[in-house]
Amino acid sequence: MKRAWKILQDGILILTPFVLTIYVGLFILEFINKVGKDLLGLTRWGDMRGAGLLVMLGLIVVVGLLWQSQKVRHALGILEQKMMSIRSLNSFYRIVKELTRTAIGRKQPFSRVVLVNRPNGEKQLGLLTTEDLTALELPESLVTVFLPLGMQLGGHLVLIPKELLEPVDMTVEAALRFCFTGGVSIKE
Protein backbone atom coordinates (compact mmCIF):
# COMPACT_ATOMS: atom_id res chain seq x y z
CA MET A 1 0.00 0.00 0.00
CA LYS A 2 2.84 2.44 0.85
CA ARG A 3 4.52 1.70 -2.47
CA ALA A 4 1.30 2.46 -4.38
CA TRP A 5 0.85 5.73 -2.46
CA LYS A 6 4.48 6.74 -3.26
CA ILE A 7 3.93 5.97 -6.95
CA LEU A 8 0.77 8.09 -6.92
CA GLN A 9 2.56 10.97 -5.18
CA ASP A 10 5.50 10.80 -7.62
CA GLY A 11 3.08 10.88 -10.55
CA ILE A 12 1.29 13.93 -9.14
CA LEU A 13 4.56 15.75 -8.36
CA ILE A 14 5.94 15.16 -11.84
CA LEU A 15 2.76 15.64 -13.87
CA THR A 16 1.16 18.66 -12.15
CA PRO A 17 3.77 21.32 -13.09
CA PHE A 18 3.85 20.10 -16.70
CA VAL A 19 0.08 19.97 -17.10
CA LEU A 20 -0.51 23.37 -15.46
CA THR A 21 2.26 25.03 -17.48
CA ILE A 22 0.96 23.59 -20.75
CA TYR A 23 -2.65 24.45 -19.85
CA VAL A 24 -1.82 28.08 -19.01
CA GLY A 25 0.37 28.37 -22.12
CA LEU A 26 -2.41 27.02 -24.35
CA PHE A 27 -4.94 29.31 -22.68
CA ILE A 28 -2.76 32.34 -23.45
CA LEU A 29 -2.16 31.20 -27.04
CA GLU A 30 -5.90 30.59 -27.55
CA PHE A 31 -6.66 34.09 -26.22
CA ILE A 32 -4.09 35.64 -28.59
CA ASN A 33 -5.51 33.55 -31.45
CA LYS A 34 -9.06 34.74 -30.68
CA VAL A 35 -7.97 38.39 -30.67
CA GLY A 36 -6.18 37.87 -33.98
CA LYS A 37 -9.22 36.14 -35.50
CA ASP A 38 -11.39 39.03 -34.33
CA LEU A 39 -9.02 41.37 -36.19
CA LEU A 40 -9.39 39.22 -39.32
CA GLY A 41 -13.15 39.55 -39.14
CA LEU A 42 -15.24 37.70 -41.67
CA THR A 43 -12.51 37.06 -44.25
CA ARG A 44 -11.99 33.62 -45.72
CA TRP A 45 -8.95 33.17 -43.45
CA GLY A 46 -11.01 33.67 -40.28
CA ASP A 47 -11.79 29.96 -39.89
CA MET A 48 -8.25 28.70 -40.43
CA ARG A 49 -6.76 27.14 -37.27
CA GLY A 50 -4.01 29.38 -35.88
CA ALA A 51 -4.77 32.22 -38.29
CA GLY A 52 -5.38 34.63 -35.43
CA LEU A 53 -2.06 33.72 -33.85
CA LEU A 54 -0.28 34.41 -37.15
CA VAL A 55 -2.08 37.75 -37.49
CA MET A 56 -1.04 38.78 -33.96
CA LEU A 57 2.56 37.66 -34.54
CA GLY A 58 2.62 39.60 -37.81
CA LEU A 59 1.16 42.67 -36.13
CA ILE A 60 3.77 42.49 -33.35
CA VAL A 61 6.61 42.20 -35.90
CA VAL A 62 5.27 45.07 -38.02
CA VAL A 63 4.88 47.36 -34.98
CA GLY A 64 8.37 46.38 -33.80
CA LEU A 65 9.81 47.26 -37.21
CA LEU A 66 7.90 50.54 -37.36
CA TRP A 67 9.19 51.43 -33.87
CA GLN A 68 12.71 51.61 -35.36
CA SER A 69 11.67 54.81 -37.20
CA GLN A 70 12.18 58.07 -35.31
CA LYS A 71 9.02 59.54 -36.90
CA VAL A 72 6.88 56.63 -35.67
CA ARG A 73 8.37 56.93 -32.18
CA HIS A 74 7.57 60.63 -32.14
CA ALA A 75 3.99 60.05 -33.37
CA LEU A 76 3.38 57.31 -30.81
CA GLY A 77 4.86 59.56 -28.12
CA ILE A 78 2.27 62.22 -28.98
CA LEU A 79 -0.50 59.59 -28.96
CA GLU A 80 0.71 58.34 -25.58
CA GLN A 81 0.65 61.88 -24.15
CA LYS A 82 -2.92 62.36 -25.38
CA MET A 83 -3.95 59.04 -23.79
CA MET A 84 -2.24 60.01 -20.53
CA SER A 85 -4.26 63.22 -20.42
CA ILE A 86 -7.49 61.21 -20.13
CA ARG A 87 -7.92 60.45 -16.44
CA SER A 88 -9.81 57.20 -16.84
CA LEU A 89 -7.13 55.75 -19.15
CA ASN A 90 -4.05 57.17 -17.44
CA SER A 91 -3.73 54.76 -14.50
CA PHE A 92 -4.76 51.67 -16.44
CA TYR A 93 -2.35 52.42 -19.30
CA ARG A 94 0.58 53.01 -16.95
CA ILE A 95 -0.06 49.78 -15.05
CA VAL A 96 -0.31 47.73 -18.27
CA LYS A 97 2.84 49.36 -19.65
CA GLU A 98 4.86 48.67 -16.49
CA LEU A 99 3.63 45.07 -16.26
CA THR A 100 4.48 44.49 -19.93
CA ARG A 101 7.97 45.94 -19.54
CA THR A 102 8.52 43.74 -16.50
CA ALA A 103 7.15 40.61 -18.18
CA ILE A 104 9.43 40.84 -21.23
CA GLY A 105 12.48 41.67 -19.14
CA ARG A 106 13.00 45.33 -20.02
CA LYS A 107 12.56 46.34 -16.40
CA GLN A 108 13.53 44.45 -13.28
CA PRO A 109 10.78 44.83 -10.67
CA PHE A 110 12.98 43.87 -7.73
CA SER A 111 16.51 45.16 -7.27
CA ARG A 112 17.66 42.82 -4.50
CA VAL A 113 16.64 40.46 -1.71
CA VAL A 114 16.57 41.79 1.86
CA LEU A 115 15.63 40.70 5.35
CA VAL A 116 13.23 42.98 7.19
CA ASN A 117 13.99 43.16 10.91
CA ARG A 118 10.74 43.26 12.87
CA PRO A 119 10.48 44.87 16.33
CA ASN A 120 9.69 41.50 17.96
CA GLY A 121 12.94 39.99 16.69
CA GLU A 122 11.42 38.13 13.73
CA LYS A 123 12.85 38.55 10.25
CA GLN A 124 10.90 38.49 7.00
CA LEU A 125 12.26 37.91 3.52
CA GLY A 126 11.47 40.78 1.17
CA LEU A 127 12.31 42.18 -2.24
CA LEU A 128 13.49 45.78 -2.57
CA THR A 129 11.44 47.57 -5.23
CA THR A 130 12.25 51.29 -4.93
CA GLU A 131 15.05 53.01 -3.05
CA ASP A 132 14.28 56.61 -3.98
CA LEU A 133 10.83 57.86 -3.01
CA THR A 134 11.55 61.58 -3.23
CA ALA A 135 9.31 61.85 -6.32
CA LEU A 136 6.42 60.93 -4.01
CA GLU A 137 7.59 63.56 -1.50
CA LEU A 138 8.33 60.88 1.10
CA PRO A 139 11.30 60.91 3.49
CA GLU A 140 14.64 59.80 2.03
CA SER A 141 14.98 57.26 4.83
CA LEU A 142 12.11 55.16 3.43
CA VAL A 143 12.27 52.46 0.76
CA THR A 144 9.60 50.14 -0.65
CA VAL A 145 9.84 46.42 -0.03
CA PHE A 146 7.55 43.73 -1.42
CA LEU A 147 6.88 41.04 1.18
CA PRO A 148 5.73 37.88 -0.63
CA LEU A 149 3.12 35.70 1.05
CA GLY A 150 3.87 32.02 1.56
CA MET A 151 2.04 29.39 -0.49
CA GLN A 152 0.27 31.90 -2.75
CA LEU A 153 1.00 34.46 -5.42
CA GLY A 154 0.67 37.77 -3.66
CA GLY A 155 2.19 39.90 -0.99
CA HIS A 156 2.31 43.25 0.72
CA LEU A 157 4.13 46.39 -0.34
CA VAL A 158 5.50 48.25 2.67
CA LEU A 159 7.30 51.55 3.13
CA ILE A 160 10.05 50.88 5.62
CA PRO A 161 13.14 52.68 6.98
CA LYS A 162 16.39 51.55 5.30
CA GLU A 163 18.03 50.80 8.63
CA LEU A 164 15.60 47.92 9.28
CA LEU A 165 16.90 46.02 6.24
CA GLU A 166 19.72 43.50 5.89
CA PRO A 167 20.97 42.48 2.43
CA VAL A 168 20.71 38.77 1.58
CA ASP A 169 22.99 36.94 -0.86
CA MET A 170 20.18 35.25 -2.79
CA THR A 171 18.71 35.62 -6.27
CA VAL A 172 15.24 37.13 -6.59
CA GLU A 173 14.02 33.92 -8.24
CA ALA A 174 15.31 31.80 -5.34
CA ALA A 175 13.68 34.15 -2.81
CA LEU A 176 10.32 34.04 -4.59
CA ARG A 177 10.49 30.25 -4.91
CA PHE A 178 11.37 30.00 -1.20
CA CYS A 179 8.42 32.20 -0.18
CA PHE A 180 5.83 30.73 -2.57
CA THR A 181 6.64 27.20 -1.43
CA GLY A 182 6.35 28.13 2.23
CA GLY A 183 10.11 27.76 2.82
CA VAL A 184 10.20 24.20 1.46
CA SER A 185 12.24 24.92 -1.68
CA ILE A 186 15.71 26.00 -0.60
CA LYS A 187 17.81 24.70 -3.51
CA GLU A 188 18.93 26.97 -6.36
C-alpha atoms as a PDB file:
ATOM      1  CA  MET A   1       0.000   0.000   0.000  1.00  0.00           C
ATOM      2  CA  LYS A   2       2.843   2.438   0.853  1.00  0.00           C
ATOM      3  CA  ARG A   3       4.524   1.704  -2.475  1.00  0.00           C
ATOM      4  CA  ALA A   4       1.298   2.463  -4.376  1.00  0.00           C
ATOM      5  CA  TRP A   5       0.854   5.727  -2.458  1.00  0.00           C
ATOM      6  CA  LYS A   6       4.476   6.742  -3.256  1.00  0.00           C
ATOM      7  CA  ILE A   7       3.932   5.968  -6.954  1.00  0.00           C
ATOM      8  CA  LEU A   8       0.767   8.086  -6.919  1.00  0.00           C
ATOM      9  CA  GLN A   9       2.563  10.971  -5.180  1.00  0.00           C
ATOM     10  CA  ASP A  10       5.499  10.802  -7.621  1.00  0.00           C
ATOM     11  CA  GLY A  11       3.084  10.883 -10.545  1.00  0.00           C
ATOM     12  CA  ILE A  12       1.290  13.933  -9.144  1.00  0.00           C
ATOM     13  CA  LEU A  13       4.557  15.750  -8.357  1.00  0.00           C
ATOM     14  CA  ILE A  14       5.938  15.163 -11.838  1.00  0.00           C
ATOM     15  CA  LEU A  15       2.762  15.640 -13.870  1.00  0.00           C
ATOM     16  CA  THR A  16       1.157  18.660 -12.149  1.00  0.00           C
ATOM     17  CA  PRO A  17       3.766  21.321 -13.088  1.00  0.00           C
ATOM     18  CA  PHE A  18       3.855  20.096 -16.702  1.00  0.00           C
ATOM     19  CA  VAL A  19       0.080  19.974 -17.100  1.00  0.00           C
ATOM     20  CA  LEU A  20      -0.515  23.369 -15.459  1.00  0.00           C
ATOM     21  CA  THR A  21       2.256  25.030 -17.481  1.00  0.00           C
ATOM     22  CA  ILE A  22       0.958  23.588 -20.750  1.00  0.00           C
ATOM     23  CA  TYR A  23      -2.649  24.454 -19.853  1.00  0.00           C
ATOM     24  CA  VAL A  24      -1.822  28.082 -19.013  1.00  0.00           C
ATOM     25  CA  GLY A  25       0.371  28.370 -22.116  1.00  0.00           C
ATOM     26  CA  LEU A  26      -2.406  27.019 -24.350  1.00  0.00           C
ATOM     27  CA  PHE A  27      -4.940  29.307 -22.684  1.00  0.00           C
ATOM     28  CA  ILE A  28      -2.757  32.344 -23.453  1.00  0.00           C
ATOM     29  CA  LEU A  29      -2.157  31.198 -27.044  1.00  0.00           C
ATOM     30  CA  GLU A  30      -5.896  30.586 -27.547  1.00  0.00           C
ATOM     31  CA  PHE A  31      -6.656  34.089 -26.217  1.00  0.00           C
ATOM     32  CA  ILE A  32      -4.093  35.642 -28.592  1.00  0.00           C
ATOM     33  CA  ASN A  33      -5.507  33.546 -31.451  1.00  0.00           C
ATOM     34  CA  LYS A  34      -9.058  34.736 -30.675  1.00  0.00           C
ATOM     35  CA  VAL A  35      -7.975  38.395 -30.669  1.00  0.00           C
ATOM     36  CA  GLY A  36      -6.181  37.873 -33.977  1.00  0.00           C
ATOM     37  CA  LYS A  37      -9.221  36.144 -35.502  1.00  0.00           C
ATOM     38  CA  ASP A  38     -11.388  39.035 -34.330  1.00  0.00           C
ATOM     39  CA  LEU A  39      -9.021  41.367 -36.188  1.00  0.00           C
ATOM     40  CA  LEU A  40      -9.393  39.219 -39.320  1.00  0.00           C
ATOM     41  CA  GLY A  41     -13.147  39.546 -39.140  1.00  0.00           C
ATOM     42  CA  LEU A  42     -15.237  37.702 -41.669  1.00  0.00           C
ATOM     43  CA  THR A  43     -12.509  37.061 -44.247  1.00  0.00           C
ATOM     44  CA  ARG A  44     -11.992  33.617 -45.721  1.00  0.00           C
ATOM     45  CA  TRP A  45      -8.949  33.167 -43.450  1.00  0.00           C
ATOM     46  CA  GLY A  46     -11.010  33.671 -40.283  1.00  0.00           C
ATOM     47  CA  ASP A  47     -11.792  29.961 -39.889  1.00  0.00           C
ATOM     48  CA  MET A  48      -8.249  28.700 -40.434  1.00  0.00           C
ATOM     49  CA  ARG A  49      -6.762  27.140 -37.271  1.00  0.00           C
ATOM     50  CA  GLY A  50      -4.007  29.376 -35.876  1.00  0.00           C
ATOM     51  CA  ALA A  51      -4.770  32.221 -38.286  1.00  0.00           C
ATOM     52  CA  GLY A  52      -5.384  34.631 -35.426  1.00  0.00           C
ATOM     53  CA  LEU A  53      -2.056  33.723 -33.848  1.00  0.00           C
ATOM     54  CA  LEU A  54      -0.284  34.408 -37.146  1.00  0.00           C
ATOM     55  CA  VAL A  55      -2.075  37.751 -37.492  1.00  0.00           C
ATOM     56  CA  MET A  56      -1.044  38.783 -33.960  1.00  0.00           C
ATOM     57  CA  LEU A  57       2.562  37.656 -34.543  1.00  0.00           C
ATOM     58  CA  GLY A  58       2.617  39.596 -37.814  1.00  0.00           C
ATOM     59  CA  LEU A  59       1.155  42.669 -36.126  1.00  0.00           C
ATOM     60  CA  ILE A  60       3.769  42.492 -33.353  1.00  0.00           C
ATOM     61  CA  VAL A  61       6.614  42.202 -35.901  1.00  0.00           C
ATOM     62  CA  VAL A  62       5.268  45.075 -38.023  1.00  0.00           C
ATOM     63  CA  VAL A  63       4.877  47.360 -34.981  1.00  0.00           C
ATOM     64  CA  GLY A  64       8.370  46.381 -33.802  1.00  0.00           C
ATOM     65  CA  LEU A  65       9.808  47.262 -37.213  1.00  0.00           C
ATOM     66  CA  LEU A  66       7.901  50.543 -37.364  1.00  0.00           C
ATOM     67  CA  TRP A  67       9.189  51.429 -33.874  1.00  0.00           C
ATOM     68  CA  GLN A  68      12.705  51.607 -35.364  1.00  0.00           C
ATOM     69  CA  SER A  69      11.674  54.806 -37.202  1.00  0.00           C
ATOM     70  CA  GLN A  70      12.180  58.066 -35.310  1.00  0.00           C
ATOM     71  CA  LYS A  71       9.018  59.540 -36.900  1.00  0.00           C
ATOM     72  CA  VAL A  72       6.885  56.631 -35.674  1.00  0.00           C
ATOM     73  CA  ARG A  73       8.373  56.934 -32.180  1.00  0.00           C
ATOM     74  CA  HIS A  74       7.567  60.632 -32.139  1.00  0.00           C
ATOM     75  CA  ALA A  75       3.989  60.050 -33.372  1.00  0.00           C
ATOM     76  CA  LEU A  76       3.380  57.309 -30.808  1.00  0.00           C
ATOM     77  CA  GLY A  77       4.857  59.564 -28.119  1.00  0.00           C
ATOM     78  CA  ILE A  78       2.272  62.216 -28.976  1.00  0.00           C
ATOM     79  CA  LEU A  79      -0.502  59.586 -28.958  1.00  0.00           C
ATOM     80  CA  GLU A  80       0.708  58.343 -25.576  1.00  0.00           C
ATOM     81  CA  GLN A  81       0.647  61.885 -24.154  1.00  0.00           C
ATOM     82  CA  LYS A  82      -2.916  62.355 -25.378  1.00  0.00           C
ATOM     83  CA  MET A  83      -3.948  59.037 -23.789  1.00  0.00           C
ATOM     84  CA  MET A  84      -2.244  60.005 -20.534  1.00  0.00           C
ATOM     85  CA  SER A  85      -4.256  63.216 -20.417  1.00  0.00           C
ATOM     86  CA  ILE A  86      -7.491  61.213 -20.134  1.00  0.00           C
ATOM     87  CA  ARG A  87      -7.918  60.447 -16.438  1.00  0.00           C
ATOM     88  CA  SER A  88      -9.808  57.199 -16.842  1.00  0.00           C
ATOM     89  CA  LEU A  89      -7.125  55.751 -19.155  1.00  0.00           C
ATOM     90  CA  ASN A  90      -4.049  57.173 -17.443  1.00  0.00           C
ATOM     91  CA  SER A  91      -3.734  54.764 -14.503  1.00  0.00           C
ATOM     92  CA  PHE A  92      -4.763  51.674 -16.437  1.00  0.00           C
ATOM     93  CA  TYR A  93      -2.352  52.419 -19.302  1.00  0.00           C
ATOM     94  CA  ARG A  94       0.578  53.015 -16.950  1.00  0.00           C
ATOM     95  CA  ILE A  95      -0.059  49.779 -15.054  1.00  0.00           C
ATOM     96  CA  VAL A  96      -0.311  47.728 -18.267  1.00  0.00           C
ATOM     97  CA  LYS A  97       2.839  49.363 -19.653  1.00  0.00           C
ATOM     98  CA  GLU A  98       4.859  48.673 -16.489  1.00  0.00           C
ATOM     99  CA  LEU A  99       3.630  45.066 -16.261  1.00  0.00           C
ATOM    100  CA  THR A 100       4.478  44.491 -19.931  1.00  0.00           C
ATOM    101  CA  ARG A 101       7.974  45.943 -19.543  1.00  0.00           C
ATOM    102  CA  THR A 102       8.525  43.743 -16.495  1.00  0.00           C
ATOM    103  CA  ALA A 103       7.148  40.608 -18.183  1.00  0.00           C
ATOM    104  CA  ILE A 104       9.426  40.842 -21.227  1.00  0.00           C
ATOM    105  CA  GLY A 105      12.476  41.668 -19.139  1.00  0.00           C
ATOM    106  CA  ARG A 106      13.004  45.329 -20.023  1.00  0.00           C
ATOM    107  CA  LYS A 107      12.564  46.343 -16.400  1.00  0.00           C
ATOM    108  CA  GLN A 108      13.529  44.449 -13.276  1.00  0.00           C
ATOM    109  CA  PRO A 109      10.777  44.827 -10.670  1.00  0.00           C
ATOM    110  CA  PHE A 110      12.980  43.866  -7.730  1.00  0.00           C
ATOM    111  CA  SER A 111      16.514  45.163  -7.274  1.00  0.00           C
ATOM    112  CA  ARG A 112      17.663  42.823  -4.499  1.00  0.00           C
ATOM    113  CA  VAL A 113      16.636  40.461  -1.707  1.00  0.00           C
ATOM    114  CA  VAL A 114      16.567  41.794   1.860  1.00  0.00           C
ATOM    115  CA  LEU A 115      15.630  40.695   5.351  1.00  0.00           C
ATOM    116  CA  VAL A 116      13.232  42.983   7.188  1.00  0.00           C
ATOM    117  CA  ASN A 117      13.990  43.161  10.915  1.00  0.00           C
ATOM    118  CA  ARG A 118      10.737  43.264  12.867  1.00  0.00           C
ATOM    119  CA  PRO A 119      10.484  44.871  16.330  1.00  0.00           C
ATOM    120  CA  ASN A 120       9.685  41.500  17.963  1.00  0.00           C
ATOM    121  CA  GLY A 121      12.938  39.985  16.690  1.00  0.00           C
ATOM    122  CA  GLU A 122      11.419  38.126  13.735  1.00  0.00           C
ATOM    123  CA  LYS A 123      12.846  38.554  10.246  1.00  0.00           C
ATOM    124  CA  GLN A 124      10.905  38.489   6.998  1.00  0.00           C
ATOM    125  CA  LEU A 125      12.261  37.911   3.517  1.00  0.00           C
ATOM    126  CA  GLY A 126      11.472  40.784   1.173  1.00  0.00           C
ATOM    127  CA  LEU A 127      12.307  42.185  -2.238  1.00  0.00           C
ATOM    128  CA  LEU A 128      13.487  45.776  -2.572  1.00  0.00           C
ATOM    129  CA  THR A 129      11.440  47.566  -5.233  1.00  0.00           C
ATOM    130  CA  THR A 130      12.253  51.285  -4.933  1.00  0.00           C
ATOM    131  CA  GLU A 131      15.047  53.008  -3.046  1.00  0.00           C
ATOM    132  CA  ASP A 132      14.284  56.615  -3.977  1.00  0.00           C
ATOM    133  CA  LEU A 133      10.826  57.857  -3.014  1.00  0.00           C
ATOM    134  CA  THR A 134      11.553  61.580  -3.231  1.00  0.00           C
ATOM    135  CA  ALA A 135       9.314  61.854  -6.322  1.00  0.00           C
ATOM    136  CA  LEU A 136       6.420  60.928  -4.010  1.00  0.00           C
ATOM    137  CA  GLU A 137       7.595  63.559  -1.503  1.00  0.00           C
ATOM    138  CA  LEU A 138       8.331  60.877   1.103  1.00  0.00           C
ATOM    139  CA  PRO A 139      11.299  60.912   3.489  1.00  0.00           C
ATOM    140  CA  GLU A 140      14.642  59.801   2.029  1.00  0.00           C
ATOM    141  CA  SER A 141      14.985  57.260   4.834  1.00  0.00           C
ATOM    142  CA  LEU A 142      12.112  55.163   3.430  1.00  0.00           C
ATOM    143  CA  VAL A 143      12.274  52.460   0.759  1.00  0.00           C
ATOM    144  CA  THR A 144       9.605  50.144  -0.648  1.00  0.00           C
ATOM    145  CA  VAL A 145       9.836  46.420  -0.029  1.00  0.00           C
ATOM    146  CA  PHE A 146       7.554  43.731  -1.424  1.00  0.00           C
ATOM    147  CA  LEU A 147       6.880  41.043   1.182  1.00  0.00           C
ATOM    148  CA  PRO A 148       5.728  37.875  -0.628  1.00  0.00           C
ATOM    149  CA  LEU A 149       3.124  35.697   1.054  1.00  0.00           C
ATOM    150  CA  GLY A 150       3.866  32.022   1.559  1.00  0.00           C
ATOM    151  CA  MET A 151       2.035  29.388  -0.493  1.00  0.00           C
ATOM    152  CA  GLN A 152       0.268  31.897  -2.745  1.00  0.00           C
ATOM    153  CA  LEU A 153       0.995  34.459  -5.421  1.00  0.00           C
ATOM    154  CA  GLY A 154       0.667  37.772  -3.659  1.00  0.00           C
ATOM    155  CA  GLY A 155       2.194  39.900  -0.987  1.00  0.00           C
ATOM    156  CA  HIS A 156       2.310  43.251   0.724  1.00  0.00           C
ATOM    157  CA  LEU A 157       4.129  46.388  -0.339  1.00  0.00           C
ATOM    158  CA  VAL A 158       5.504  48.251   2.666  1.00  0.00           C
ATOM    159  CA  LEU A 159       7.305  51.547   3.130  1.00  0.00           C
ATOM    160  CA  ILE A 160      10.054  50.883   5.624  1.00  0.00           C
ATOM    161  CA  PRO A 161      13.143  52.679   6.977  1.00  0.00           C
ATOM    162  CA  LYS A 162      16.389  51.546   5.297  1.00  0.00           C
ATOM    163  CA  GLU A 163      18.033  50.804   8.631  1.00  0.00           C
ATOM    164  CA  LEU A 164      15.596  47.920   9.276  1.00  0.00           C
ATOM    165  CA  LEU A 165      16.903  46.022   6.237  1.00  0.00           C
ATOM    166  CA  GLU A 166      19.725  43.504   5.889  1.00  0.00           C
ATOM    167  CA  PRO A 167      20.971  42.483   2.429  1.00  0.00           C
ATOM    168  CA  VAL A 168      20.709  38.773   1.581  1.00  0.00           C
ATOM    169  CA  ASP A 169      22.988  36.936  -0.861  1.00  0.00           C
ATOM    170  CA  MET A 170      20.179  35.245  -2.794  1.00  0.00           C
ATOM    171  CA  THR A 171      18.705  35.621  -6.268  1.00  0.00           C
ATOM    172  CA  VAL A 172      15.239  37.134  -6.588  1.00  0.00           C
ATOM    173  CA  GLU A 173      14.022  33.924  -8.241  1.00  0.00           C
ATOM    174  CA  ALA A 174      15.307  31.796  -5.340  1.00  0.00           C
ATOM    175  CA  ALA A 175      13.683  34.149  -2.806  1.00  0.00           C
ATOM    176  CA  LEU A 176      10.318  34.042  -4.588  1.00  0.00           C
ATOM    177  CA  ARG A 177      10.488  30.252  -4.910  1.00  0.00           C
ATOM    178  CA  PHE A 178      11.369  29.998  -1.204  1.00  0.00           C
ATOM    179  CA  CYS A 179       8.422  32.199  -0.184  1.00  0.00           C
ATOM    180  CA  PHE A 180       5.826  30.735  -2.575  1.00  0.00           C
ATOM    181  CA  THR A 181       6.643  27.201  -1.426  1.00  0.00           C
ATOM    182  CA  GLY A 182       6.346  28.131   2.233  1.00  0.00           C
ATOM    183  CA  GLY A 183      10.105  27.757   2.820  1.00  0.00           C
ATOM    184  CA  VAL A 184      10.197  24.197   1.459  1.00  0.00           C
ATOM    185  CA  SER A 185      12.244  24.921  -1.677  1.00  0.00           C
ATOM    186  CA  ILE A 186      15.709  25.997  -0.603  1.00  0.00           C
ATOM    187  CA  LYS A 187      17.808  24.696  -3.508  1.00  0.00           C
ATOM    188  CA  GLU A 188      18.931  26.965  -6.362  1.00  0.00           C
END
